[in-house]
C-alpha atoms as a PDB file:
ATOM      1  CA  MET A   1     -21.360  66.852 107.111  1.00  0.00           C
ATOM      2  CA  ARG A   2     -20.342  66.579 103.469  1.00  0.00           C
ATOM      3  CA  PRO A   3     -17.099  68.169 102.257  1.00  0.00           C
ATOM      4  CA  GLY A   4     -17.553  71.806 101.348  1.00  0.00           C
ATOM      5  CA  PRO A   5     -15.662  74.167  99.049  1.00  0.00           C
ATOM      6  CA  ARG A   6     -13.029  74.919 101.685  1.00  0.00           C
ATOM      7  CA  ASP A   7     -12.289  71.202 101.999  1.00  0.00           C
ATOM      8  CA  GLY A   8     -10.118  70.933  98.896  1.00  0.00           C
ATOM      9  CA  VAL A   9      -7.456  68.320  98.207  1.00  0.00           C
ATOM     10  CA  ARG A  10      -3.923  69.547  98.747  1.00  0.00           C
ATOM     11  CA  THR A  11      -0.635  68.030  97.591  1.00  0.00           C
ATOM     12  CA  SER A  12       2.963  68.860  98.401  1.00  0.00           C
ATOM     13  CA  SER A  13       6.478  67.565  98.850  1.00  0.00           C
ATOM     14  CA  PHE A  14       7.942  67.440 102.356  1.00  0.00           C
ATOM     15  CA  ASP A  15       9.924  70.644 101.784  1.00  0.00           C
ATOM     16  CA  GLU A  16       6.720  72.477 100.847  1.00  0.00           C
ATOM     17  CA  LEU A  17       4.895  71.464 104.055  1.00  0.00           C
ATOM     18  CA  ASP A  18       4.692  74.182 106.676  1.00  0.00           C
ATOM     19  CA  ALA A  19       5.317  73.177 110.290  1.00  0.00           C
ATOM     20  CA  GLY A  20       1.657  73.452 111.290  1.00  0.00           C
ATOM     21  CA  THR A  21       0.465  71.197 108.482  1.00  0.00           C
ATOM     22  CA  LEU A  22       3.199  68.645 109.119  1.00  0.00           C
ATOM     23  CA  TYR A  23       2.296  68.613 112.818  1.00  0.00           C
ATOM     24  CA  ALA A  24      -1.400  68.092 112.003  1.00  0.00           C
ATOM     25  CA  ILE A  25      -0.570  65.222 109.619  1.00  0.00           C
ATOM     26  CA  MET A  26       1.656  63.488 112.168  1.00  0.00           C
ATOM     27  CA  LYS A  27      -0.965  64.031 114.888  1.00  0.00           C
ATOM     28  CA  LEU A  28      -3.699  62.443 112.742  1.00  0.00           C
ATOM     29  CA  ARG A  29      -1.505  59.468 111.863  1.00  0.00           C
ATOM     30  CA  SER A  30      -0.711  58.936 115.559  1.00  0.00           C
ATOM     31  CA  GLU A  31      -4.347  59.331 116.658  1.00  0.00           C
ATOM     32  CA  VAL A  32      -5.530  56.646 114.244  1.00  0.00           C
ATOM     33  CA  PHE A  33      -2.645  54.214 113.816  1.00  0.00           C
ATOM     34  CA  VAL A  34      -0.998  54.342 117.252  1.00  0.00           C
ATOM     35  CA  VAL A  35      -3.911  55.176 119.578  1.00  0.00           C
ATOM     36  CA  GLU A  36      -7.102  53.914 117.857  1.00  0.00           C
ATOM     37  CA  GLN A  37      -5.590  50.870 116.139  1.00  0.00           C
ATOM     38  CA  GLU A  38      -3.021  50.252 118.893  1.00  0.00           C
ATOM     39  CA  CYS A  39      -0.102  49.840 116.481  1.00  0.00           C
ATOM     40  CA  VAL A  40       3.075  50.649 118.323  1.00  0.00           C
ATOM     41  CA  TYR A  41       5.565  51.487 115.600  1.00  0.00           C
ATOM     42  CA  LEU A  42       7.870  54.297 114.521  1.00  0.00           C
ATOM     43  CA  ASP A  43       5.654  56.342 112.224  1.00  0.00           C
ATOM     44  CA  PRO A  44       8.362  58.790 111.065  1.00  0.00           C
ATOM     45  CA  ASP A  45      10.172  56.170 108.972  1.00  0.00           C
ATOM     46  CA  GLY A  46      12.375  58.493 106.935  1.00  0.00           C
ATOM     47  CA  ARG A  47      10.260  58.171 103.789  1.00  0.00           C
ATOM     48  CA  ASP A  48       8.219  61.337 104.394  1.00  0.00           C
ATOM     49  CA  THR A  49      11.257  63.481 103.660  1.00  0.00           C
ATOM     50  CA  GLU A  50      12.284  61.814 100.389  1.00  0.00           C
ATOM     51  CA  PRO A  51      12.194  64.396  97.575  1.00  0.00           C
ATOM     52  CA  SER A  52       9.875  62.226  95.440  1.00  0.00           C
ATOM     53  CA  THR A  53       7.308  61.619  98.216  1.00  0.00           C
ATOM     54  CA  ARG A  54       3.977  63.355  97.691  1.00  0.00           C
ATOM     55  CA  HIS A  55       1.809  64.162 100.693  1.00  0.00           C
ATOM     56  CA  ILE A  56      -1.898  64.435  99.898  1.00  0.00           C
ATOM     57  CA  TRP A  57      -4.520  65.624 102.369  1.00  0.00           C
ATOM     58  CA  ILE A  58      -7.927  67.178 102.700  1.00  0.00           C
ATOM     59  CA  ASN A  59      -8.816  69.837 105.213  1.00  0.00           C
ATOM     60  CA  HIS A  60     -12.203  69.135 106.758  1.00  0.00           C
ATOM     61  CA  ASP A  61     -13.895  71.461 109.218  1.00  0.00           C
ATOM     62  CA  GLY A  62     -10.645  73.329 109.792  1.00  0.00           C
ATOM     63  CA  GLU A  63      -8.488  70.241 110.434  1.00  0.00           C
ATOM     64  CA  ILE A  64      -6.758  67.535 108.428  1.00  0.00           C
ATOM     65  CA  GLY A  65      -9.647  65.177 107.736  1.00  0.00           C
ATOM     66  CA  ALA A  66      -7.781  62.604 105.663  1.00  0.00           C
ATOM     67  CA  TYR A  67      -4.268  61.976 104.425  1.00  0.00           C
ATOM     68  CA  LEU A  68      -2.111  59.625 102.358  1.00  0.00           C
ATOM     69  CA  ARG A  69       1.339  59.635 100.863  1.00  0.00           C
ATOM     70  CA  VAL A  70       2.749  58.394  97.559  1.00  0.00           C
ATOM     71  CA  LEU A  71       6.263  56.955  97.639  1.00  0.00           C
ATOM     72  CA  ASP A  72       8.641  56.105  94.809  1.00  0.00           C
ATOM     73  CA  ASP A  73       9.770  52.477  95.185  1.00  0.00           C
ATOM     74  CA  GLY A  74      11.691  52.464  91.897  1.00  0.00           C
ATOM     75  CA  ASP A  75       9.716  50.251  89.503  1.00  0.00           C
ATOM     76  CA  VAL A  76       6.403  51.146  91.156  1.00  0.00           C
ATOM     77  CA  LEU A  77       4.864  53.913  93.210  1.00  0.00           C
ATOM     78  CA  ARG A  78       3.473  53.019  96.645  1.00  0.00           C
ATOM     79  CA  ILE A  79       0.408  54.436  98.350  1.00  0.00           C
ATOM     80  CA  GLY A  80       0.641  54.380 102.107  1.00  0.00           C
ATOM     81  CA  ARG A  81      -0.424  55.863 105.438  1.00  0.00           C
ATOM     82  CA  VAL A  82      -4.011  56.202 104.202  1.00  0.00           C
ATOM     83  CA  VAL A  83      -5.906  57.640 107.163  1.00  0.00           C
ATOM     84  CA  THR A  84      -9.183  59.423 107.887  1.00  0.00           C
ATOM     85  CA  ALA A  85      -9.996  61.234 111.121  1.00  0.00           C
ATOM     86  CA  VAL A  86     -12.784  59.640 113.159  1.00  0.00           C
ATOM     87  CA  LYS A  87     -15.080  62.655 112.864  1.00  0.00           C
ATOM     88  CA  ALA A  88     -14.505  62.930 109.091  1.00  0.00           C
ATOM     89  CA  ARG A  89     -15.346  59.319 108.203  1.00  0.00           C
ATOM     90  CA  GLY A  90     -18.268  58.604 105.913  1.00  0.00           C
ATOM     91  CA  ASN A  91     -17.737  61.719 103.821  1.00  0.00           C
ATOM     92  CA  GLY A  92     -15.889  60.153 100.889  1.00  0.00           C
ATOM     93  CA  LEU A  93     -12.571  61.794 101.765  1.00  0.00           C
ATOM     94  CA  ALA A  94     -10.484  58.637 101.290  1.00  0.00           C
ATOM     95  CA  ALA A  95     -11.966  58.142  97.820  1.00  0.00           C
ATOM     96  CA  ARG A  96     -11.111  61.735  96.910  1.00  0.00           C
ATOM     97  CA  LEU A  97      -7.549  61.192  98.108  1.00  0.00           C
ATOM     98  CA  MET A  98      -7.241  57.979  96.114  1.00  0.00           C
ATOM     99  CA  ALA A  99      -8.463  59.756  92.976  1.00  0.00           C
ATOM    100  CA  GLU A 100      -5.824  62.459  93.485  1.00  0.00           C
ATOM    101  CA  ALA A 101      -3.128  59.860  94.168  1.00  0.00           C
ATOM    102  CA  LEU A 102      -3.962  58.090  90.910  1.00  0.00           C
ATOM    103  CA  THR A 103      -3.727  61.408  89.068  1.00  0.00           C
ATOM    104  CA  ILE A 104      -0.234  61.868  90.494  1.00  0.00           C
ATOM    105  CA  ILE A 105       0.719  58.244  89.751  1.00  0.00           C
ATOM    106  CA  GLY A 106      -0.448  58.648  86.167  1.00  0.00           C
ATOM    107  CA  ALA A 107       0.709  55.888  83.798  1.00  0.00           C
ATOM    108  CA  LYS A 108       2.936  54.099  86.323  1.00  0.00           C
ATOM    109  CA  PRO A 109       2.115  50.854  88.126  1.00  0.00           C
ATOM    110  CA  SER A 110       1.453  51.161  91.847  1.00  0.00           C
ATOM    111  CA  VAL A 111       1.161  49.049  94.973  1.00  0.00           C
ATOM    112  CA  LEU A 112      -0.238  49.294  98.466  1.00  0.00           C
ATOM    113  CA  ASP A 113      -0.625  47.109 101.517  1.00  0.00           C
ATOM    114  CA  ALA A 114      -4.312  47.352 102.399  1.00  0.00           C
ATOM    115  CA  GLN A 115      -5.944  46.478 105.659  1.00  0.00           C
ATOM    116  CA  ALA A 116      -7.719  43.302 104.552  1.00  0.00           C
ATOM    117  CA  TYR A 117     -11.236  44.569 105.224  1.00  0.00           C
ATOM    118  CA  LEU A 118     -10.622  47.415 102.719  1.00  0.00           C
ATOM    119  CA  LYS A 119      -9.918  45.102  99.774  1.00  0.00           C
ATOM    120  CA  ASN A 120     -13.132  46.056  97.939  1.00  0.00           C
ATOM    121  CA  PHE A 121     -12.549  49.774  98.510  1.00  0.00           C
ATOM    122  CA  TYR A 122      -9.162  49.619  96.780  1.00  0.00           C
ATOM    123  CA  ALA A 123     -10.508  47.281  94.081  1.00  0.00           C
ATOM    124  CA  LYS A 124     -12.775  50.168  92.968  1.00  0.00           C
ATOM    125  CA  PHE A 125      -9.568  51.969  91.971  1.00  0.00           C
ATOM    126  CA  GLY A 126      -8.168  49.034  89.989  1.00  0.00           C
ATOM    127  CA  TYR A 127      -6.082  47.340  92.688  1.00  0.00           C
ATOM    128  CA  GLN A 128      -5.944  43.545  92.833  1.00  0.00           C
ATOM    129  CA  GLN A 129      -4.688  41.315  95.605  1.00  0.00           C
ATOM    130  CA  THR A 130      -1.294  39.845  94.705  1.00  0.00           C
ATOM    131  CA  GLY A 131      -0.456  37.641  97.656  1.00  0.00           C
ATOM    132  CA  PRO A 132      -1.680  36.063 100.851  1.00  0.00           C
ATOM    133  CA  GLU A 133      -2.975  37.960 103.830  1.00  0.00           C
ATOM    134  CA  PHE A 134      -0.302  38.889 106.372  1.00  0.00           C
ATOM    135  CA  ILE A 135      -0.329  40.442 109.814  1.00  0.00           C
ATOM    136  CA  GLU A 136       1.294  43.833 110.287  1.00  0.00           C
ATOM    137  CA  ASP A 137       1.136  45.468 113.717  1.00  0.00           C
ATOM    138  CA  GLY A 138      -1.583  42.993 114.705  1.00  0.00           C
ATOM    139  CA  ILE A 139      -3.858  43.921 111.767  1.00  0.00           C
ATOM    140  CA  PRO A 140      -4.560  41.660 108.739  1.00  0.00           C
ATOM    141  CA  HIS A 141      -3.243  43.227 105.512  1.00  0.00           C
ATOM    142  CA  ILE A 142      -3.066  42.176 101.879  1.00  0.00           C
ATOM    143  CA  PRO A 143      -0.618  43.249  99.162  1.00  0.00           C
ATOM    144  CA  MET A 144      -2.335  44.899  96.198  1.00  0.00           C
ATOM    145  CA  PHE A 145      -1.151  45.991  92.747  1.00  0.00           C
ATOM    146  CA  ARG A 146      -2.540  48.279  90.057  1.00  0.00           C
ATOM    147  CA  ALA A 147      -1.016  47.924  86.611  1.00  0.00           C
ATOM    148  CA  ALA A 148      -0.207  50.958  84.550  1.00  0.00           C
ATOM    149  CA  PRO A 149      -3.320  51.940  82.617  1.00  0.00           C
ATOM    150  CA  PRO A 150      -3.170  51.273  78.862  1.00  0.00           C
ATOM    151  CA  PRO A 151      -2.246  54.294  76.724  1.00  0.00           C
ATOM    152  CA  ALA A 152      -5.157  56.365  75.452  1.00  0.00           C
ATOM    153  CA  ARG A 153      -6.055  55.729  71.826  1.00  0.00           C
END
């Protein structure tokens, strides 16, 4: 099923998240990263609550269909925790989230650590691999960077 009008992109800070939405986000992240991908790690890493963190998600069929967060790492912004629910995959939700993230990032440079098989997906948004592949939680990843876009003329 393709995203419908009630499947809009939403953005907020941690303080603006209601308990139900926060629970749904954490549940989705656990379902995919911890259960599906078998990555045993502490997902609540303290960065979700930082005042500059932006949480971006799309409701899909009454649930959180996809999510990511944008963190402030000082000189660059960082995209992370990019996740799509199993039943929402193939609907372009991750691309919609990335477009929104880049709107929020604006004219700043940004980085992400991509699962290696998603290199071409992130390349569509201007990200380039900046270092060798590494293993994180048993999954091959690559560091990627997107320079600040040139000023409009």
